[in-house]
Amino acid sequence: MIQGRVIGKIWSSRRVTSLPAGALLEVETAGGGKLIAFDPLGCNMGEAVLITQGSVAAGYFTGKTVPVDALIIGSIDEENAK
């Protein structure tokens, strides 16, 4: 799994029909890299997330073949210090 933070949304007026409903988000990883991940959860800007990649990401969508290589699988709960 990869830990990252949502830094932007990717808008696409056209996409392949096999891509399910959800958002494409730009995520900055803990190592400073960036990737585009499919978000079925409805995450927001600045949110810390967990991402899986490859066949595990595509395998989430049972019964269909989807062109997803990076999938947000969780939102990390953060404690705000006062």
N, C-alpha and C. Protein backbone atom coordinates (compact mmCIF):
# COMPACT_ATOMS: atom_id res chain seq x y z
N MET A 1 0.84 -1.18 0.00
CA MET A 1 0.00 0.00 0.00
C MET A 1 0.88 1.24 0.00
N ILE A 2 0.31 2.30 -0.51
CA ILE A 2 1.00 3.57 -0.61
C ILE A 2 0.21 4.60 0.20
N GLN A 3 0.91 5.40 0.99
CA GLN A 3 0.28 6.48 1.72
C GLN A 3 0.48 7.77 0.95
N GLY A 4 -0.57 8.58 0.88
CA GLY A 4 -0.47 9.84 0.15
C GLY A 4 -1.50 10.85 0.62
N ARG A 5 -1.50 11.99 -0.07
CA ARG A 5 -2.44 13.07 0.25
C ARG A 5 -3.01 13.61 -1.05
N VAL A 6 -4.33 13.78 -1.08
CA VAL A 6 -5.02 14.28 -2.27
C VAL A 6 -4.63 15.74 -2.49
N ILE A 7 -4.11 16.04 -3.71
CA ILE A 7 -3.69 17.40 -4.01
C ILE A 7 -4.47 18.02 -5.17
N GLY A 8 -5.33 17.23 -5.80
CA GLY A 8 -6.11 17.80 -6.89
C GLY A 8 -7.07 16.79 -7.50
N LYS A 9 -8.01 17.32 -8.29
CA LYS A 9 -8.95 16.50 -9.03
C LYS A 9 -8.61 16.57 -10.50
N ILE A 10 -8.79 15.46 -11.19
CA ILE A 10 -8.56 15.40 -12.62
C ILE A 10 -9.93 15.39 -13.29
N TRP A 11 -10.18 16.36 -14.14
CA TRP A 11 -11.46 16.46 -14.84
C TRP A 11 -11.30 15.88 -16.24
N SER A 12 -12.24 15.04 -16.65
CA SER A 12 -12.19 14.41 -17.96
C SER A 12 -13.60 14.39 -18.54
N SER A 13 -13.80 15.11 -19.63
CA SER A 13 -15.13 15.13 -20.24
C SER A 13 -15.39 13.88 -21.07
N ARG A 14 -14.33 13.18 -21.45
CA ARG A 14 -14.48 11.92 -22.19
C ARG A 14 -13.62 10.86 -21.53
N ARG A 15 -14.18 9.67 -21.36
CA ARG A 15 -13.41 8.56 -20.83
C ARG A 15 -14.01 7.24 -21.30
N VAL A 16 -13.27 6.17 -21.18
CA VAL A 16 -13.74 4.88 -21.65
C VAL A 16 -14.96 4.44 -20.85
N THR A 17 -15.86 3.74 -21.52
CA THR A 17 -17.12 3.36 -20.89
C THR A 17 -16.96 2.32 -19.79
N SER A 18 -15.86 1.57 -19.80
CA SER A 18 -15.67 0.56 -18.76
C SER A 18 -15.19 1.14 -17.42
N LEU A 19 -14.86 2.43 -17.40
CA LEU A 19 -14.46 3.07 -16.15
C LEU A 19 -15.73 3.38 -15.35
N PRO A 20 -15.86 2.81 -14.14
CA PRO A 20 -17.08 3.03 -13.35
C PRO A 20 -17.19 4.46 -12.82
N ALA A 21 -18.32 4.76 -12.23
CA ALA A 21 -18.54 6.08 -11.63
C ALA A 21 -17.56 6.28 -10.49
N GLY A 22 -16.99 7.45 -10.40
CA GLY A 22 -16.02 7.77 -9.37
C GLY A 22 -15.15 8.91 -9.85
N ALA A 23 -14.23 9.34 -9.04
CA ALA A 23 -13.39 10.48 -9.39
C ALA A 23 -11.95 10.03 -9.65
N LEU A 24 -11.25 10.81 -10.45
CA LEU A 24 -9.82 10.62 -10.65
C LEU A 24 -9.12 11.73 -9.86
N LEU A 25 -8.29 11.34 -8.92
CA LEU A 25 -7.63 12.31 -8.04
C LEU A 25 -6.13 12.26 -8.21
N GLU A 26 -5.49 13.43 -8.11
CA GLU A 26 -4.04 13.49 -8.10
C GLU A 26 -3.61 13.38 -6.64
N VAL A 27 -2.66 12.49 -6.39
CA VAL A 27 -2.21 12.22 -5.03
C VAL A 27 -0.70 12.38 -4.97
N GLU A 28 -0.23 13.09 -3.95
CA GLU A 28 1.20 13.17 -3.70
C GLU A 28 1.54 12.11 -2.67
N THR A 29 2.49 11.24 -3.00
CA THR A 29 2.84 10.14 -2.10
C THR A 29 3.77 10.62 -1.00
N ALA A 30 3.91 9.79 0.03
CA ALA A 30 4.77 10.13 1.15
C ALA A 30 6.22 10.34 0.70
N GLY A 31 6.63 9.71 -0.39
CA GLY A 31 7.98 9.86 -0.92
C GLY A 31 8.15 11.07 -1.82
N GLY A 32 7.10 11.85 -2.04
CA GLY A 32 7.18 13.05 -2.85
C GLY A 32 6.77 12.87 -4.30
N GLY A 33 6.46 11.64 -4.72
CA GLY A 33 5.99 11.41 -6.08
C GLY A 33 4.52 11.75 -6.22
N LYS A 34 4.05 11.76 -7.45
CA LYS A 34 2.64 12.03 -7.71
C LYS A 34 2.06 10.92 -8.57
N LEU A 35 0.78 10.62 -8.36
CA LEU A 35 0.10 9.65 -9.20
C LEU A 35 -1.38 10.02 -9.29
N ILE A 36 -2.03 9.42 -10.29
CA ILE A 36 -3.47 9.59 -10.46
C ILE A 36 -4.11 8.30 -9.95
N ALA A 37 -5.08 8.43 -9.05
CA ALA A 37 -5.75 7.27 -8.48
C ALA A 37 -7.25 7.39 -8.64
N PHE A 38 -7.90 6.27 -8.87
CA PHE A 38 -9.36 6.22 -8.96
C PHE A 38 -9.92 6.22 -7.54
N ASP A 39 -10.94 7.05 -7.31
CA ASP A 39 -11.50 7.22 -5.97
C ASP A 39 -12.99 6.84 -5.94
N PRO A 40 -13.33 5.66 -5.41
CA PRO A 40 -14.74 5.29 -5.25
C PRO A 40 -15.32 5.77 -3.92
N LEU A 41 -14.50 6.41 -3.06
CA LEU A 41 -14.92 6.76 -1.71
C LEU A 41 -15.44 8.19 -1.55
N GLY A 42 -15.08 9.08 -2.45
CA GLY A 42 -15.49 10.48 -2.32
C GLY A 42 -14.55 11.28 -1.45
N CYS A 43 -13.25 11.08 -1.57
CA CYS A 43 -12.25 11.79 -0.77
C CYS A 43 -12.15 13.26 -1.19
N ASN A 44 -11.66 14.08 -0.28
CA ASN A 44 -11.56 15.53 -0.49
C ASN A 44 -10.12 15.98 -0.60
N MET A 45 -9.95 17.20 -1.08
CA MET A 45 -8.62 17.84 -1.16
C MET A 45 -7.98 17.85 0.22
N GLY A 46 -6.69 17.54 0.28
CA GLY A 46 -5.95 17.56 1.53
C GLY A 46 -6.09 16.31 2.37
N GLU A 47 -6.96 15.40 1.98
CA GLU A 47 -7.20 14.20 2.76
C GLU A 47 -6.06 13.19 2.60
N ALA A 48 -5.67 12.57 3.71
CA ALA A 48 -4.66 11.52 3.69
C ALA A 48 -5.34 10.21 3.29
N VAL A 49 -4.73 9.47 2.35
CA VAL A 49 -5.36 8.27 1.81
C VAL A 49 -4.38 7.11 1.70
N LEU A 50 -4.94 5.91 1.57
CA LEU A 50 -4.18 4.70 1.28
C LEU A 50 -4.52 4.25 -0.13
N ILE A 51 -3.50 3.85 -0.88
CA ILE A 51 -3.68 3.49 -2.29
C ILE A 51 -3.09 2.10 -2.52
N THR A 52 -3.75 1.32 -3.35
CA THR A 52 -3.18 0.07 -3.83
C THR A 52 -3.05 0.18 -5.34
N GLN A 53 -2.14 -0.60 -5.92
CA GLN A 53 -1.89 -0.51 -7.36
C GLN A 53 -1.91 -1.88 -8.02
N GLY A 54 -1.93 -1.86 -9.35
CA GLY A 54 -1.80 -3.06 -10.15
C GLY A 54 -3.03 -3.94 -10.15
N SER A 55 -2.81 -5.26 -10.18
CA SER A 55 -3.92 -6.20 -10.30
C SER A 55 -4.84 -6.16 -9.09
N VAL A 56 -4.33 -5.81 -7.93
CA VAL A 56 -5.18 -5.68 -6.74
C VAL A 56 -6.18 -4.55 -6.94
N ALA A 57 -5.73 -3.42 -7.49
CA ALA A 57 -6.61 -2.29 -7.75
C ALA A 57 -7.68 -2.67 -8.77
N ALA A 58 -7.29 -3.28 -9.87
CA ALA A 58 -8.25 -3.66 -10.91
C ALA A 58 -9.19 -4.76 -10.42
N GLY A 59 -8.70 -5.64 -9.55
CA GLY A 59 -9.50 -6.75 -9.04
C GLY A 59 -10.62 -6.32 -8.10
N TYR A 60 -10.59 -5.10 -7.62
CA TYR A 60 -11.65 -4.58 -6.75
C TYR A 60 -13.00 -4.60 -7.46
N PHE A 61 -12.99 -4.41 -8.76
CA PHE A 61 -14.21 -4.31 -9.55
C PHE A 61 -14.59 -5.70 -10.05
N THR A 62 -15.30 -6.45 -9.25
CA THR A 62 -15.64 -7.82 -9.60
C THR A 62 -16.63 -7.86 -10.77
N GLY A 63 -16.41 -8.85 -11.62
CA GLY A 63 -17.32 -9.05 -12.75
C GLY A 63 -17.04 -8.19 -13.96
N LYS A 64 -16.07 -7.27 -13.90
CA LYS A 64 -15.74 -6.42 -15.03
C LYS A 64 -14.23 -6.25 -15.14
N THR A 65 -13.81 -5.93 -16.34
CA THR A 65 -12.42 -5.55 -16.55
C THR A 65 -12.39 -4.03 -16.66
N VAL A 66 -11.64 -3.39 -15.78
CA VAL A 66 -11.58 -1.92 -15.78
C VAL A 66 -10.14 -1.45 -15.91
N PRO A 67 -9.94 -0.30 -16.55
CA PRO A 67 -8.59 0.22 -16.74
C PRO A 67 -8.12 1.06 -15.55
N VAL A 68 -8.04 0.44 -14.38
CA VAL A 68 -7.61 1.14 -13.16
C VAL A 68 -6.32 0.50 -12.66
N ASP A 69 -5.30 1.33 -12.48
CA ASP A 69 -4.01 0.84 -11.99
C ASP A 69 -3.71 1.32 -10.58
N ALA A 70 -4.39 2.36 -10.12
CA ALA A 70 -4.20 2.87 -8.76
C ALA A 70 -5.58 3.17 -8.18
N LEU A 71 -5.85 2.64 -6.99
CA LEU A 71 -7.17 2.74 -6.37
C LEU A 71 -7.04 3.21 -4.93
N ILE A 72 -7.80 4.23 -4.58
CA ILE A 72 -7.85 4.68 -3.18
C ILE A 72 -8.74 3.70 -2.42
N ILE A 73 -8.16 3.05 -1.40
CA ILE A 73 -8.90 2.03 -0.67
C ILE A 73 -9.24 2.45 0.75
N GLY A 74 -8.74 3.60 1.18
CA GLY A 74 -9.04 4.05 2.53
C GLY A 74 -8.65 5.50 2.75
N SER A 75 -9.34 6.09 3.71
CA SER A 75 -9.05 7.45 4.15
C SER A 75 -8.41 7.34 5.53
N ILE A 76 -7.28 7.98 5.73
CA ILE A 76 -6.57 7.88 7.01
C ILE A 76 -7.13 8.91 7.98
N ASP A 77 -7.56 8.43 9.13
CA ASP A 77 -8.06 9.33 10.17
C ASP A 77 -6.87 10.02 10.82
N GLU A 78 -6.93 11.35 10.86
CA GLU A 78 -5.84 12.12 11.46
C GLU A 78 -6.34 12.83 12.69
N GLU A 79 -5.51 12.85 13.70
CA GLU A 79 -5.86 13.55 14.94
C GLU A 79 -5.29 14.95 14.88
N ASN A 80 -6.12 15.95 15.07
CA ASN A 80 -5.66 17.35 15.04
C ASN A 80 -5.15 17.75 16.42
N ALA A 81 -3.90 18.17 16.47
CA ALA A 81 -3.31 18.63 17.73
C ALA A 81 -3.69 20.09 17.96
N LYS A 82 -3.98 20.44 19.21
CA LYS A 82 -4.34 21.82 19.53
C LYS A 82 -3.21 22.52 20.23
